[in-house]
Amino acid sequence: MFTGIITDIGTIRSREDRGDTRLVIGTGYDVDTIDLGASIACSGACLTVVDKGVDDGSNGPGGWFAIDASGETLARTAPGMWDAGRRLNLERALRVGDELGGHIVTGHVDAVGRIVAVDPVGDSVKLAVEAPASLAPHIAPKGSITLDGISLTVNDVSDQPDGTAHFTLNIIPHTQEMTTLNEVAVGRPVNLEIDVLARYLARMQARG
């Protein structure tokens, strides 16, 4: 379980495609405090640490951890996000007693959206994101949504004729600085996770 509050930006150092895809991710976390088998959300996808190591110190403090991404994970997440050199929003799993600063996030990506507009508003940036028709009914103004692992508040929602929805988000300078949202561009695919409450309400409605 996560909160959508990003605590580090990692960089994919290497990718090895085999049965699954082995990714080595550089991090500023103290890897001595990361257990093998621990869960880390990588741009919204909950993945399991299978190896780790400490850098030699020649480039400053830091280390790395490795995860295995299955074909299912690759298929359900944003294209290109697992390429070597890509930066990832990282969050370690929530511990009992931690402050819940964002909202409850499971680390299961519901769908891939697409940024359709990027507009500066003062020092902030207003994003418009297209959500697929499968998620459109579950996104509401002032509700929570996770975009590339980041807990954000929806400003407004506009339903489109094709069944998709466009929703807007305000990205303040602090969020731009602490996450990969300083890289946003029109057309960029993004991982979306709807509020877990919306997911359960949808299931209840479907059951009648």
Protein backbone atom coordinates (compact mmCIF):
# COMPACT_ATOMS: atom_id res chain seq x y z
CA MET A 1 0.00 0.00 0.00
CA PHE A 2 1.20 3.51 -0.87
CA THR A 3 0.17 7.15 -0.54
CA GLY A 4 1.20 8.67 -3.87
CA ILE A 5 3.77 10.93 -2.19
CA ILE A 6 7.01 10.55 -4.18
CA THR A 7 10.17 10.24 -2.07
CA ASP A 8 12.83 9.71 -4.75
CA ILE A 9 13.36 9.80 -8.50
CA GLY A 10 15.18 6.74 -9.77
CA THR A 11 16.85 6.14 -13.12
CA ILE A 12 16.79 2.87 -15.03
CA ARG A 13 20.45 1.89 -15.42
CA SER A 14 19.95 -1.26 -17.42
CA ARG A 15 17.27 -3.48 -18.89
CA GLU A 16 17.65 -7.17 -19.62
CA ASP A 17 14.83 -8.95 -21.44
CA ARG A 18 14.63 -12.63 -20.62
CA GLY A 19 11.69 -14.65 -19.22
CA ASP A 20 10.70 -11.48 -17.41
CA THR A 21 12.40 -8.10 -17.79
CA ARG A 22 15.15 -7.42 -15.24
CA LEU A 23 15.53 -3.71 -14.50
CA VAL A 24 18.31 -2.17 -12.44
CA ILE A 25 17.24 1.18 -10.99
CA GLY A 26 19.58 3.74 -9.46
CA THR A 27 18.24 5.38 -6.33
CA GLY A 28 19.09 7.84 -3.59
CA TYR A 29 17.48 5.55 -1.00
CA ASP A 30 19.70 3.96 1.61
CA VAL A 31 19.57 0.48 0.10
CA ASP A 32 20.77 -1.07 3.36
CA THR A 33 17.26 -0.32 4.66
CA ILE A 34 15.55 -2.03 1.71
CA ASP A 35 14.82 -5.71 2.24
CA LEU A 36 14.85 -8.20 -0.60
CA GLY A 37 11.20 -8.89 -1.32
CA ALA A 38 10.16 -5.35 -0.37
CA SER A 39 7.65 -3.50 -2.53
CA ILE A 40 8.54 -0.22 -4.24
CA ALA A 41 6.13 1.70 -6.45
CA CYS A 42 7.87 2.68 -9.70
CA SER A 43 5.88 5.40 -11.47
CA GLY A 44 2.73 3.85 -10.07
CA ALA A 45 3.51 0.14 -10.56
CA CYS A 46 4.14 -1.89 -7.40
CA LEU A 47 7.19 -4.09 -7.97
CA THR A 48 9.28 -6.42 -5.83
CA VAL A 49 12.95 -5.89 -5.04
CA VAL A 50 14.94 -8.98 -6.09
CA ASP A 51 18.49 -7.65 -5.74
CA LYS A 52 20.29 -4.51 -4.53
CA GLY A 53 23.72 -2.99 -4.14
CA VAL A 54 25.66 0.05 -2.97
CA ASP A 55 27.66 2.22 -5.38
CA ASP A 56 31.42 2.53 -4.90
CA GLY A 57 31.08 6.20 -3.92
CA SER A 58 33.00 7.61 -6.89
CA ASN A 59 29.87 9.45 -8.03
CA GLY A 60 28.63 10.33 -4.55
CA PRO A 61 26.31 8.38 -2.25
CA GLY A 62 23.72 6.09 -3.75
CA GLY A 63 22.88 2.58 -4.71
CA TRP A 64 20.58 0.49 -6.84
CA PHE A 65 17.87 -2.12 -6.65
CA ALA A 66 16.65 -4.60 -9.24
CA ILE A 67 13.12 -5.70 -10.06
CA ASP A 68 11.62 -8.21 -12.47
CA ALA A 69 8.76 -6.79 -14.56
CA SER A 70 6.45 -9.40 -16.07
CA GLY A 71 4.92 -9.22 -19.53
CA GLU A 72 1.64 -8.27 -17.85
CA THR A 73 3.31 -5.30 -16.15
CA LEU A 74 4.89 -4.13 -19.40
CA ALA A 75 1.59 -4.46 -21.27
CA ARG A 76 -0.41 -2.49 -18.70
CA THR A 77 1.96 0.41 -18.19
CA ALA A 78 2.99 3.39 -20.31
CA PRO A 79 5.01 2.52 -23.43
CA GLY A 80 8.68 3.45 -23.17
CA MET A 81 8.72 3.93 -19.40
CA TRP A 82 10.91 0.88 -18.83
CA ASP A 83 13.66 1.86 -21.28
CA ALA A 84 17.21 2.37 -19.99
CA GLY A 85 17.78 5.97 -18.98
CA ARG A 86 14.15 6.70 -18.10
CA ARG A 87 13.43 8.40 -14.78
CA LEU A 88 10.86 6.87 -12.44
CA ASN A 89 8.86 8.22 -9.50
CA LEU A 90 9.66 6.04 -6.50
CA GLU A 91 7.77 5.42 -3.29
CA ARG A 92 8.48 2.81 -0.66
CA ALA A 93 5.56 0.88 0.83
CA LEU A 94 3.52 2.53 3.57
CA ARG A 95 4.36 1.42 7.10
CA VAL A 96 1.94 1.36 10.03
CA GLY A 97 2.13 4.75 11.70
CA ASP A 98 3.34 6.65 8.62
CA GLU A 99 1.60 9.91 7.74
CA LEU A 100 -1.00 9.46 4.99
CA GLY A 101 -0.16 12.62 3.07
CA GLY A 102 -1.79 11.73 -0.26
CA HIS A 103 -4.49 9.09 -0.60
CA ILE A 104 -4.60 5.29 -0.47
CA VAL A 105 -2.81 3.93 -3.54
CA THR A 106 -2.49 0.22 -4.35
CA GLY A 107 0.25 0.37 -6.98
CA HIS A 108 -1.92 -1.39 -9.55
CA VAL A 109 -2.14 0.59 -12.80
CA ASP A 110 -5.73 0.68 -14.07
CA ALA A 111 -5.01 2.07 -17.53
CA VAL A 112 -2.68 4.24 -19.57
CA GLY A 113 -3.79 7.81 -20.25
CA ARG A 114 -2.34 10.49 -22.49
CA ILE A 115 -1.45 14.13 -21.85
CA VAL A 116 -3.41 16.30 -24.27
CA ALA A 117 -2.49 19.81 -23.08
CA VAL A 118 0.20 21.52 -21.00
CA ASP A 119 -0.50 25.13 -20.07
CA PRO A 120 1.56 27.36 -17.71
CA VAL A 121 -0.60 29.12 -15.10
CA GLY A 122 1.62 31.43 -13.09
CA ASP A 123 4.38 29.25 -11.63
CA SER A 124 2.20 26.17 -11.88
CA VAL A 125 1.30 24.01 -14.85
CA LYS A 126 -2.21 22.94 -15.83
CA LEU A 127 -2.32 19.48 -17.36
CA ALA A 128 -5.18 18.01 -19.36
CA VAL A 129 -5.12 14.23 -19.49
CA GLU A 130 -7.21 11.88 -21.60
CA ALA A 131 -8.49 8.82 -19.74
CA PRO A 132 -9.84 5.80 -21.65
CA ALA A 133 -13.56 5.08 -21.65
CA SER A 134 -13.09 2.28 -19.11
CA LEU A 135 -11.96 4.79 -16.47
CA ALA A 136 -14.07 7.80 -17.47
CA PRO A 137 -17.04 7.06 -15.14
CA HIS A 138 -14.69 6.76 -12.14
CA ILE A 139 -13.02 10.18 -12.34
CA ALA A 140 -14.73 13.06 -10.54
CA PRO A 141 -13.97 16.72 -9.88
CA LYS A 142 -12.10 17.18 -6.57
CA GLY A 143 -11.54 13.43 -6.40
CA SER A 144 -8.13 11.79 -6.16
CA ILE A 145 -6.23 10.11 -8.97
CA THR A 146 -2.72 8.71 -9.28
CA LEU A 147 -0.68 9.78 -12.31
CA ASP A 148 2.67 8.00 -12.72
CA GLY A 149 2.50 7.17 -9.03
CA ILE A 150 1.75 10.73 -7.90
CA SER A 151 -1.32 11.49 -5.78
CA LEU A 152 -3.17 14.41 -7.40
CA THR A 153 -6.54 16.14 -7.15
CA VAL A 154 -8.77 16.37 -10.20
CA ASN A 155 -9.87 19.92 -11.03
CA ASP A 156 -12.59 19.19 -13.55
CA VAL A 157 -13.72 16.48 -15.95
CA SER A 158 -15.10 16.76 -19.48
CA ASP A 159 -16.73 13.71 -21.07
CA GLN A 160 -15.88 13.26 -24.75
CA PRO A 161 -18.15 12.00 -27.58
CA ASP A 162 -16.06 8.84 -27.99
CA GLY A 163 -16.58 7.83 -24.35
CA THR A 164 -13.19 8.97 -23.11
CA ALA A 165 -12.81 11.75 -20.55
CA HIS A 166 -10.46 14.71 -20.34
CA PHE A 167 -9.58 15.81 -16.82
CA THR A 168 -7.35 18.61 -15.60
CA LEU A 169 -4.74 18.78 -12.86
CA ASN A 170 -2.81 21.71 -11.38
CA ILE A 171 0.88 20.90 -10.85
CA ILE A 172 2.52 23.26 -8.38
CA PRO A 173 6.28 24.02 -8.59
CA HIS A 174 7.12 21.72 -5.65
CA THR A 175 5.46 18.75 -7.37
CA GLN A 176 7.27 19.54 -10.62
CA GLU A 177 10.59 19.62 -8.76
CA MET A 178 10.08 16.42 -6.77
CA THR A 179 8.65 14.23 -9.55
CA THR A 180 9.03 13.49 -13.25
CA LEU A 181 6.20 15.92 -14.04
CA ASN A 182 8.86 18.45 -15.01
CA GLU A 183 9.20 16.33 -18.18
CA VAL A 184 5.55 16.45 -19.26
CA ALA A 185 4.73 17.01 -22.91
CA VAL A 186 1.65 16.68 -25.08
CA GLY A 187 1.24 13.10 -26.25
CA ARG A 188 3.18 11.55 -23.37
CA PRO A 189 1.54 8.35 -22.06
CA VAL A 190 1.01 8.16 -18.29
CA ASN A 191 0.02 5.47 -15.82
CA LEU A 192 -3.36 6.04 -14.18
CA GLU A 193 -4.81 4.51 -11.02
CA ILE A 194 -8.28 5.57 -9.94
CA ASP A 195 -9.21 6.09 -6.30
CA VAL A 196 -9.64 2.70 -4.65
CA LEU A 197 -13.07 3.81 -3.36
CA ALA A 198 -14.21 4.44 -6.94
CA ARG A 199 -13.05 0.94 -7.88
CA TYR A 200 -15.16 -0.68 -5.15
CA LEU A 201 -18.20 1.51 -5.90
CA ALA A 202 -18.00 0.48 -9.55
CA ARG A 203 -17.96 -3.19 -8.54
CA MET A 204 -20.94 -2.72 -6.23
CA GLN A 205 -22.92 -0.98 -8.96
CA ALA A 206 -22.08 -3.71 -11.47
CA ARG A 207 -23.44 -6.31 -9.04
CA GLY A 208 -26.67 -4.36 -8.74
